[in-house]
């Protein structure tokens, strides 16, 4: 009887935890904003060519700066750009800072899956699934069109991101 009570308490506790924001599924179209720089994620120059870098850009309500969040399970999502219909993934280079380039969206492609790990109050680390690499602006000054790369986790707000719903017409 004690074991049954313990199991019931654990199950109820897990269900209660999943009613918090940490277990909620993100649905819809969003801008992804860096906490430190205030800049949004964008494919450089809204270019539809494969390999175009992922960059930071001044916030604007444009399709090229809006991402459709497709839930892949748990805290993992694939992000499809509303303007290009594509996503981004690490380029083939083996440098310490992995650059990211636009590629065709392939459902369930692990190289295109990102975990949104809660930091606090609507702030996330965005980690490439099954790696220790996190989305990070290449500069801390908020320069427009500066590349966003993948780096190991550091003790910096540069790796902190927020999202907000965005439904652009352009």
N, C-alpha and C. Protein backbone atom coordinates (compact mmCIF):
# COMPACT_ATOMS: atom_id res chain seq x y z
N UNK A 1 0.82 -1.19 0.00
CA UNK A 1 0.00 0.00 0.00
C UNK A 1 0.87 1.26 0.00
N UNK A 2 1.98 1.20 0.78
CA UNK A 2 2.88 2.36 0.82
C UNK A 2 3.52 2.60 -0.54
N UNK A 3 3.89 1.51 -1.24
CA UNK A 3 4.50 1.66 -2.56
C UNK A 3 3.51 2.28 -3.54
N UNK A 4 2.26 1.86 -3.49
CA UNK A 4 1.23 2.41 -4.36
C UNK A 4 1.03 3.89 -4.08
N UNK A 5 1.04 4.26 -2.82
CA UNK A 5 0.90 5.67 -2.45
C UNK A 5 2.09 6.49 -2.95
N UNK A 6 3.28 5.93 -2.83
CA UNK A 6 4.48 6.62 -3.29
C UNK A 6 4.44 6.81 -4.81
N UNK A 7 4.06 5.77 -5.54
CA UNK A 7 3.96 5.85 -7.00
C UNK A 7 2.92 6.89 -7.39
N UNK A 8 1.79 6.90 -6.71
CA UNK A 8 0.73 7.88 -7.00
C UNK A 8 1.22 9.30 -6.76
N UNK A 9 1.94 9.52 -5.67
CA UNK A 9 2.49 10.84 -5.36
C UNK A 9 3.49 11.25 -6.45
N UNK A 10 4.36 10.34 -6.88
CA UNK A 10 5.34 10.65 -7.92
C UNK A 10 4.67 10.98 -9.25
N UNK A 11 3.66 10.22 -9.62
CA UNK A 11 2.95 10.48 -10.88
C UNK A 11 2.24 11.83 -10.82
N UNK A 12 1.57 12.11 -9.73
CA UNK A 12 0.89 13.40 -9.58
C UNK A 12 1.89 14.55 -9.59
N UNK A 13 3.04 14.35 -8.96
CA UNK A 13 4.09 15.38 -8.98
C UNK A 13 4.60 15.64 -10.38
N UNK A 14 4.80 14.58 -11.15
CA UNK A 14 5.26 14.74 -12.54
C UNK A 14 4.22 15.47 -13.38
N UNK A 15 2.96 15.11 -13.18
CA UNK A 15 1.90 15.81 -13.91
C UNK A 15 1.84 17.28 -13.53
N UNK A 16 2.02 17.58 -12.27
CA UNK A 16 2.01 18.96 -11.81
C UNK A 16 3.16 19.74 -12.43
N UNK A 17 4.34 19.13 -12.50
CA UNK A 17 5.49 19.79 -13.13
C UNK A 17 5.23 20.09 -14.59
N UNK A 18 4.53 19.20 -15.29
CA UNK A 18 4.27 19.40 -16.71
C UNK A 18 3.20 20.44 -16.99
N UNK A 19 2.57 20.96 -15.97
CA UNK A 19 1.63 22.06 -16.18
C UNK A 19 2.34 23.40 -16.10
N UNK A 20 3.61 23.38 -15.76
CA UNK A 20 4.39 24.62 -15.73
C UNK A 20 4.92 24.91 -17.12
N UNK A 21 5.53 26.07 -17.31
CA UNK A 21 6.02 26.47 -18.63
C UNK A 21 7.12 25.57 -19.15
N UNK A 22 7.81 24.84 -18.31
CA UNK A 22 8.90 23.99 -18.76
C UNK A 22 8.41 22.84 -19.63
N UNK A 23 7.16 22.42 -19.50
CA UNK A 23 6.66 21.30 -20.27
C UNK A 23 5.67 21.74 -21.34
N UNK A 24 5.37 23.00 -21.41
CA UNK A 24 4.42 23.46 -22.42
C UNK A 24 5.06 23.42 -23.79
N UNK A 25 4.28 23.00 -24.75
CA UNK A 25 4.74 22.95 -26.13
C UNK A 25 4.59 24.34 -26.74
N UNK A 26 5.64 24.80 -27.39
CA UNK A 26 5.61 26.09 -28.09
C UNK A 26 4.96 25.84 -29.44
N UNK A 27 3.89 26.56 -29.74
CA UNK A 27 3.17 26.38 -31.00
C UNK A 27 2.99 27.74 -31.64
N UNK A 28 3.22 27.82 -32.94
CA UNK A 28 2.97 29.05 -33.66
C UNK A 28 4.23 29.61 -34.30
N UNK A 29 4.15 30.89 -34.64
CA UNK A 29 5.26 31.57 -35.31
C UNK A 29 5.82 32.64 -34.38
N UNK A 30 7.14 32.67 -34.28
CA UNK A 30 7.80 33.51 -33.29
C UNK A 30 9.06 34.17 -33.85
N UNK A 31 9.37 35.32 -33.28
CA UNK A 31 10.69 35.93 -33.45
C UNK A 31 11.55 35.37 -32.32
N UNK A 32 12.84 35.20 -32.58
CA UNK A 32 13.78 34.69 -31.58
C UNK A 32 14.78 35.81 -31.30
N UNK A 33 14.74 36.32 -30.07
CA UNK A 33 15.50 37.52 -29.70
C UNK A 33 16.59 37.22 -28.69
N UNK A 34 17.79 37.72 -28.96
CA UNK A 34 18.89 37.55 -28.03
C UNK A 34 18.74 38.52 -26.86
N UNK A 35 18.89 38.02 -25.65
CA UNK A 35 18.71 38.83 -24.44
C UNK A 35 19.77 39.92 -24.34
N UNK A 36 21.01 39.60 -24.65
CA UNK A 36 22.12 40.54 -24.50
C UNK A 36 22.13 41.63 -25.57
N UNK A 37 21.95 41.22 -26.83
CA UNK A 37 22.08 42.18 -27.93
C UNK A 37 20.76 42.82 -28.35
N UNK A 38 19.64 42.16 -28.04
CA UNK A 38 18.34 42.66 -28.47
C UNK A 38 18.04 42.39 -29.93
N UNK A 39 18.91 41.64 -30.60
CA UNK A 39 18.77 41.36 -32.03
C UNK A 39 18.00 40.04 -32.25
N UNK A 40 17.38 39.94 -33.45
CA UNK A 40 16.62 38.75 -33.81
C UNK A 40 17.42 37.85 -34.76
N UNK A 41 17.05 36.56 -34.78
CA UNK A 41 17.63 35.62 -35.74
C UNK A 41 17.02 35.86 -37.11
N UNK A 42 17.87 35.79 -38.13
CA UNK A 42 17.43 35.99 -39.51
C UNK A 42 18.41 35.31 -40.45
N UNK A 43 17.91 34.85 -41.59
CA UNK A 43 18.79 34.40 -42.66
C UNK A 43 19.33 35.66 -43.31
N UNK A 44 20.66 35.77 -43.50
CA UNK A 44 21.28 36.99 -44.01
C UNK A 44 20.63 37.46 -45.32
N UNK A 45 20.27 38.72 -45.32
CA UNK A 45 19.68 39.40 -46.49
C UNK A 45 18.42 38.72 -47.01
N UNK A 46 17.78 37.92 -46.18
CA UNK A 46 16.56 37.20 -46.58
C UNK A 46 16.80 36.41 -47.87
N UNK A 47 18.01 35.88 -47.99
CA UNK A 47 18.43 35.15 -49.17
C UNK A 47 17.91 33.72 -49.10
N UNK A 48 17.38 33.21 -50.18
CA UNK A 48 16.84 31.85 -50.20
C UNK A 48 17.86 30.79 -50.60
N UNK A 49 19.10 31.21 -50.88
CA UNK A 49 20.15 30.28 -51.32
C UNK A 49 20.61 29.40 -50.15
N UNK A 50 20.77 28.11 -50.42
CA UNK A 50 21.30 27.19 -49.40
C UNK A 50 22.69 27.64 -48.98
N UNK A 51 22.98 27.50 -47.69
CA UNK A 51 24.28 27.88 -47.16
C UNK A 51 24.36 29.31 -46.66
N UNK A 52 23.32 30.11 -46.93
CA UNK A 52 23.31 31.50 -46.45
C UNK A 52 23.39 31.49 -44.93
N UNK A 53 24.27 32.33 -44.33
CA UNK A 53 24.45 32.29 -42.87
C UNK A 53 23.26 32.80 -42.07
N UNK A 54 23.18 32.30 -40.86
CA UNK A 54 22.23 32.78 -39.87
C UNK A 54 22.88 33.97 -39.17
N UNK A 55 22.15 35.09 -39.07
CA UNK A 55 22.72 36.31 -38.51
C UNK A 55 21.77 36.96 -37.50
N UNK A 56 22.29 37.97 -36.81
CA UNK A 56 21.50 38.82 -35.93
C UNK A 56 21.06 40.04 -36.71
N UNK A 57 19.84 40.53 -36.44
CA UNK A 57 19.33 41.69 -37.17
C UNK A 57 18.39 42.48 -36.27
N UNK A 58 18.33 43.78 -36.51
CA UNK A 58 17.44 44.66 -35.75
C UNK A 58 16.00 44.16 -35.84
N UNK A 59 15.26 44.11 -34.73
CA UNK A 59 13.90 43.59 -34.75
C UNK A 59 12.96 44.32 -35.71
N UNK A 60 12.33 43.53 -36.58
CA UNK A 60 11.33 44.01 -37.53
C UNK A 60 10.30 42.89 -37.68
N UNK A 61 9.06 43.25 -37.90
CA UNK A 61 7.99 42.27 -38.05
C UNK A 61 7.92 41.80 -39.51
N UNK A 62 8.95 41.04 -39.94
CA UNK A 62 9.06 40.52 -41.29
C UNK A 62 9.02 39.00 -41.27
N UNK A 63 8.56 38.39 -42.37
CA UNK A 63 8.54 36.93 -42.49
C UNK A 63 9.94 36.34 -42.38
N UNK A 64 10.93 37.04 -42.92
CA UNK A 64 12.30 36.52 -42.90
C UNK A 64 12.90 36.49 -41.49
N UNK A 65 12.19 37.08 -40.54
CA UNK A 65 12.66 37.10 -39.14
C UNK A 65 11.68 36.36 -38.23
N UNK A 66 10.85 35.52 -38.85
CA UNK A 66 9.82 34.79 -38.11
C UNK A 66 9.99 33.30 -38.37
N UNK A 67 9.87 32.54 -37.31
CA UNK A 67 10.13 31.10 -37.35
C UNK A 67 8.90 30.33 -36.91
N UNK A 68 8.55 29.33 -37.70
CA UNK A 68 7.47 28.41 -37.34
C UNK A 68 8.08 27.31 -36.50
N UNK A 69 7.58 27.14 -35.29
CA UNK A 69 8.09 26.15 -34.35
C UNK A 69 7.35 24.83 -34.58
N UNK A 70 8.08 23.81 -34.98
CA UNK A 70 7.51 22.48 -35.20
C UNK A 70 8.04 21.55 -34.11
N UNK A 71 7.15 21.14 -33.24
CA UNK A 71 7.52 20.34 -32.07
C UNK A 71 8.00 18.95 -32.50
N UNK A 72 9.18 18.57 -32.04
CA UNK A 72 9.75 17.26 -32.35
C UNK A 72 9.73 16.33 -31.15
N UNK A 73 9.24 16.82 -30.00
CA UNK A 73 9.18 16.02 -28.78
C UNK A 73 9.95 16.69 -27.66
N UNK A 74 9.43 16.58 -26.43
CA UNK A 74 10.07 17.20 -25.27
C UNK A 74 10.24 18.69 -25.46
N UNK A 75 11.48 19.16 -25.33
CA UNK A 75 11.81 20.58 -25.50
C UNK A 75 12.44 20.84 -26.86
N UNK A 76 12.30 19.88 -27.79
CA UNK A 76 12.99 19.94 -29.07
C UNK A 76 12.06 20.40 -30.19
N UNK A 77 12.62 21.29 -31.04
CA UNK A 77 11.86 21.88 -32.14
C UNK A 77 12.70 21.94 -33.40
N UNK A 78 12.00 21.90 -34.53
CA UNK A 78 12.60 22.30 -35.80
C UNK A 78 12.01 23.66 -36.11
N UNK A 79 12.84 24.53 -36.66
CA UNK A 79 12.45 25.91 -36.94
C UNK A 79 12.44 26.13 -38.43
N UNK A 80 11.27 26.52 -38.97
CA UNK A 80 11.16 26.79 -40.40
C UNK A 80 10.91 28.28 -40.60
N UNK A 81 11.76 28.90 -41.40
CA UNK A 81 11.64 30.32 -41.68
C UNK A 81 10.41 30.58 -42.54
N UNK A 82 9.58 31.54 -42.15
CA UNK A 82 8.35 31.80 -42.89
C UNK A 82 8.60 32.31 -44.30
N UNK A 83 9.67 33.05 -44.49
CA UNK A 83 9.94 33.62 -45.81
C UNK A 83 10.57 32.60 -46.76
N UNK A 84 11.59 31.91 -46.31
CA UNK A 84 12.32 31.00 -47.20
C UNK A 84 11.74 29.58 -47.20
N UNK A 85 11.01 29.22 -46.15
CA UNK A 85 10.50 27.87 -46.02
C UNK A 85 11.59 26.88 -45.63
N UNK A 86 12.78 27.40 -45.32
CA UNK A 86 13.93 26.55 -44.98
C UNK A 86 14.26 26.70 -43.50
N UNK A 87 15.28 25.98 -43.08
CA UNK A 87 15.75 26.03 -41.71
C UNK A 87 17.26 26.26 -41.74
N UNK A 88 17.93 26.01 -40.61
CA UNK A 88 19.39 26.15 -40.57
C UNK A 88 19.99 24.98 -39.84
N UNK A 89 21.25 24.72 -40.17
CA UNK A 89 21.97 23.63 -39.53
C UNK A 89 23.46 23.97 -39.56
N UNK A 90 24.28 23.25 -38.79
CA UNK A 90 25.72 23.54 -38.80
C UNK A 90 26.32 23.28 -40.17
N UNK A 91 27.23 24.16 -40.57
CA UNK A 91 27.99 23.94 -41.80
C UNK A 91 29.01 22.83 -41.54
N UNK A 92 29.57 22.30 -42.59
CA UNK A 92 30.46 21.14 -42.49
C UNK A 92 31.81 21.44 -41.86
N UNK A 93 32.18 22.72 -41.70
CA UNK A 93 33.52 23.01 -41.17
C UNK A 93 33.69 22.48 -39.75
N UNK A 94 34.90 22.32 -39.34
CA UNK A 94 35.20 21.75 -38.02
C UNK A 94 35.85 22.76 -37.07
N UNK A 95 35.56 24.04 -37.24
CA UNK A 95 36.16 25.05 -36.38
C UNK A 95 35.53 25.01 -34.99
N UNK A 96 36.15 25.68 -34.05
CA UNK A 96 35.64 25.73 -32.67
C UNK A 96 34.25 26.38 -32.65
N UNK A 97 34.09 27.46 -33.39
CA UNK A 97 32.78 28.11 -33.50
C UNK A 97 32.14 27.62 -34.79
N UNK A 98 31.16 26.76 -34.66
CA UNK A 98 30.51 26.20 -35.85
C UNK A 98 29.55 27.21 -36.44
N UNK A 99 29.76 27.53 -37.70
CA UNK A 99 28.84 28.44 -38.37
C UNK A 99 27.57 27.69 -38.76
N UNK A 100 26.51 28.44 -38.95
CA UNK A 100 25.22 27.88 -39.30
C UNK A 100 24.81 28.39 -40.67
N UNK A 101 24.28 27.51 -41.49
CA UNK A 101 23.83 27.91 -42.81
C UNK A 101 22.43 27.42 -43.09
N UNK A 102 21.73 28.16 -43.92
CA UNK A 102 20.37 27.79 -44.32
C UNK A 102 20.40 26.54 -45.18
N UNK A 103 19.43 25.65 -44.92
CA UNK A 103 19.31 24.42 -45.69
C UNK A 103 17.83 24.08 -45.86
N UNK A 104 17.50 23.24 -46.86
CA UNK A 104 16.12 22.82 -47.00
C UNK A 104 15.63 22.13 -45.72
N UNK A 105 14.39 22.37 -45.38
CA UNK A 105 13.79 21.77 -44.20
C UNK A 105 13.54 20.29 -44.46
N UNK A 106 14.08 19.44 -43.59
CA UNK A 106 13.87 17.99 -43.68
C UNK A 106 13.29 17.51 -42.36
N UNK A 107 12.06 17.09 -42.37
CA UNK A 107 11.38 16.65 -41.16
C UNK A 107 12.19 15.56 -40.46
N UNK A 108 12.35 15.70 -39.17
CA UNK A 108 13.06 14.75 -38.29
C UNK A 108 14.57 14.70 -38.51
N UNK A 109 15.14 15.64 -39.26
CA UNK A 109 16.59 15.69 -39.43
C UNK A 109 17.21 16.19 -38.13
N UNK A 110 17.99 15.37 -37.46
CA UNK A 110 18.55 15.71 -36.15
C UNK A 110 19.49 16.92 -36.22
N UNK A 111 20.14 17.16 -37.37
CA UNK A 111 21.02 18.32 -37.52
C UNK A 111 20.23 19.62 -37.58
N UNK A 112 18.89 19.51 -37.65
CA UNK A 112 18.03 20.69 -37.72
C UNK A 112 17.11 20.79 -36.50
N UNK A 113 17.45 20.07 -35.44
CA UNK A 113 16.62 20.08 -34.24
C UNK A 113 17.32 20.82 -33.11
N UNK A 114 16.55 21.67 -32.44
CA UNK A 114 17.09 22.52 -31.38
C UNK A 114 16.27 22.37 -30.11
N UNK A 115 16.98 22.25 -29.00
CA UNK A 115 16.33 22.14 -27.70
C UNK A 115 16.23 23.53 -27.07
N UNK A 116 15.04 23.90 -26.65
CA UNK A 116 14.80 25.16 -25.96
C UNK A 116 14.78 24.86 -24.47
N UNK A 117 15.92 25.11 -23.84
CA UNK A 117 16.12 24.75 -22.44
C UNK A 117 15.86 25.98 -21.58
N UNK A 118 14.83 25.91 -20.71
CA UNK A 118 14.50 27.08 -19.89
C UNK A 118 15.65 27.50 -18.97
N UNK A 119 15.92 28.80 -18.95
CA UNK A 119 16.87 29.39 -18.00
C UNK A 119 16.06 29.93 -16.84
N UNK A 120 15.18 30.87 -17.15
CA UNK A 120 14.28 31.45 -16.17
C UNK A 120 13.28 32.36 -16.88
N UNK A 121 12.05 32.39 -16.40
CA UNK A 121 11.05 33.33 -16.87
C UNK A 121 10.99 33.64 -18.36
N UNK A 122 10.82 32.64 -19.22
CA UNK A 122 10.71 32.87 -20.65
C UNK A 122 12.03 33.07 -21.37
N UNK A 123 13.14 32.79 -20.69
CA UNK A 123 14.47 32.89 -21.30
C UNK A 123 14.98 31.46 -21.50
N UNK A 124 15.61 31.24 -22.67
CA UNK A 124 16.06 29.90 -23.04
C UNK A 124 17.52 29.90 -23.48
N UNK A 125 18.16 28.72 -23.28
CA UNK A 125 19.35 28.37 -24.03
C UNK A 125 18.81 27.61 -25.23
N UNK A 126 19.41 27.77 -26.39
CA UNK A 126 18.99 27.02 -27.57
C UNK A 126 20.17 26.15 -27.97
N UNK A 127 20.01 24.84 -27.77
CA UNK A 127 21.09 23.89 -27.98
C UNK A 127 20.78 22.98 -29.17
N UNK A 128 21.77 22.77 -30.03
CA UNK A 128 21.63 21.79 -31.10
C UNK A 128 21.46 20.42 -30.44
N UNK A 129 20.40 19.72 -30.80
CA UNK A 129 20.07 18.44 -30.16
C UNK A 129 21.25 17.48 -30.16
N UNK A 130 21.39 16.81 -29.03
CA UNK A 130 22.42 15.78 -28.83
C UNK A 130 23.84 16.30 -28.95
N UNK A 131 24.04 17.59 -28.68
CA UNK A 131 25.39 18.17 -28.66
C UNK A 131 25.50 19.03 -27.41
N UNK A 132 26.64 19.62 -27.23
CA UNK A 132 26.85 20.61 -26.18
C UNK A 132 27.09 21.98 -26.81
N UNK A 133 26.46 22.23 -27.96
CA UNK A 133 26.65 23.47 -28.69
C UNK A 133 25.37 24.31 -28.66
N UNK A 134 25.55 25.60 -28.35
CA UNK A 134 24.44 26.51 -28.14
C UNK A 134 24.50 27.69 -29.12
N UNK A 135 23.31 28.16 -29.56
CA UNK A 135 23.27 29.34 -30.41
C UNK A 135 23.88 30.51 -29.67
N UNK A 136 24.81 31.21 -30.35
CA UNK A 136 25.55 32.31 -29.74
C UNK A 136 25.86 33.36 -30.80
N UNK A 137 25.51 34.63 -30.57
CA UNK A 137 25.95 35.67 -31.50
C UNK A 137 27.48 35.73 -31.53
N UNK A 138 28.05 35.98 -32.70
CA UNK A 138 29.51 36.02 -32.81
C UNK A 138 30.10 37.29 -32.22
N UNK A 139 29.27 38.32 -32.02
CA UNK A 139 29.73 39.56 -31.38
C UNK A 139 28.74 39.96 -30.30
N UNK A 140 29.23 40.62 -29.28
CA UNK A 140 28.36 41.04 -28.17
C UNK A 140 27.85 42.47 -28.35
N UNK A 141 28.29 43.16 -29.41
CA UNK A 141 27.90 44.56 -29.57
C UNK A 141 26.58 44.76 -30.30
N UNK A 142 25.95 43.66 -30.74
CA UNK A 142 24.66 43.79 -31.41
C UNK A 142 24.76 44.30 -32.83
N UNK A 143 25.90 44.10 -33.47
CA UNK A 143 26.08 44.57 -34.84
C UNK A 143 25.13 43.82 -35.78
N UNK A 144 24.48 44.57 -36.64
CA UNK A 144 23.56 44.00 -37.61
C UNK A 144 24.32 43.10 -38.59
N UNK A 145 23.72 41.98 -38.91
CA UNK A 145 24.28 40.98 -39.83
C UNK A 145 25.52 40.27 -39.30
N UNK A 146 25.76 40.31 -37.98
CA UNK A 146 26.84 39.51 -37.42
C UNK A 146 26.35 38.06 -37.32
N UNK A 147 27.23 37.12 -37.62
CA UNK A 147 26.84 35.72 -37.65
C UNK A 147 26.44 35.20 -36.26
N UNK A 148 25.53 34.25 -36.28
CA UNK A 148 25.17 33.49 -35.09
C UNK A 148 25.79 32.12 -35.29
N UNK A 149 26.53 31.65 -34.29
CA UNK A 149 27.30 30.41 -34.38
C UNK A 149 26.90 29.47 -33.25
N UNK A 150 27.46 28.28 -33.28
CA UNK A 150 27.29 27.31 -32.21
C UNK A 150 28.57 27.25 -31.39
N UNK A 151 28.44 27.46 -30.08
CA UNK A 151 29.57 27.38 -29.16
C UNK A 151 29.19 26.55 -27.94
N UNK A 152 30.20 26.06 -27.24
CA UNK A 152 29.95 25.39 -25.96
C UNK A 152 29.36 26.41 -24.98
N UNK A 153 28.61 25.90 -24.02
CA UNK A 153 27.94 26.74 -23.04
C UNK A 153 28.96 27.53 -22.22
N UNK A 154 28.69 28.81 -22.08
CA UNK A 154 29.54 29.68 -21.29
C UNK A 154 28.72 30.39 -20.22
N UNK A 155 29.38 31.20 -19.44
CA UNK A 155 28.70 31.95 -18.39
C UNK A 155 28.41 33.35 -18.91
N UNK A 156 27.52 33.40 -19.91
CA UNK A 156 27.22 34.67 -20.55
C UNK A 156 25.76 34.75 -20.94
N UNK A 157 25.22 35.95 -20.87
CA UNK A 157 23.84 36.17 -21.32
C UNK A 157 23.75 36.18 -22.85
N UNK A 158 24.89 36.16 -23.52
CA UNK A 158 24.89 36.09 -24.99
C UNK A 158 24.22 34.81 -25.49
N UNK A 159 24.18 33.80 -24.66
CA UNK A 159 23.55 32.54 -25.05
C UNK A 159 22.11 32.44 -24.55
N UNK A 160 21.56 33.54 -24.07
CA UNK A 160 20.17 33.57 -23.60
C UNK A 160 19.27 34.18 -24.67
N UNK A 161 18.12 33.54 -24.90
CA UNK A 161 17.19 33.95 -25.95
C UNK A 161 15.77 33.98 -25.40
N UNK A 162 14.97 34.88 -25.93
CA UNK A 162 13.54 34.89 -25.65
C UNK A 162 12.82 34.72 -26.98
N UNK A 163 11.55 34.40 -26.90
CA UNK A 163 10.74 34.34 -28.11
C UNK A 163 9.49 35.16 -27.88
N UNK A 164 8.96 35.69 -28.95
CA UNK A 164 7.65 36.34 -28.86
C UNK A 164 6.90 36.09 -30.15
N UNK A 165 5.58 35.95 -30.00
CA UNK A 165 4.76 35.63 -31.15
C UNK A 165 4.83 36.74 -32.18
N UNK A 166 4.95 36.34 -33.43
CA UNK A 166 5.06 37.30 -34.53
C UNK A 166 4.30 36.73 -35.73
N UNK A 167 3.42 37.55 -36.30
CA UNK A 167 2.63 37.15 -37.45
C UNK A 167 2.71 38.23 -38.53
N UNK A 168 3.82 38.27 -39.25
CA UNK A 168 4.05 39.34 -40.23
C UNK A 168 3.25 39.17 -41.52
N UNK A 169 3.07 40.28 -42.20
CA UNK A 169 2.41 40.25 -43.51
C UNK A 169 3.44 40.31 -44.63
N UNK A 170 4.62 40.91 -44.38
CA UNK A 170 5.65 41.03 -45.41
C UNK A 170 6.64 39.90 -45.35
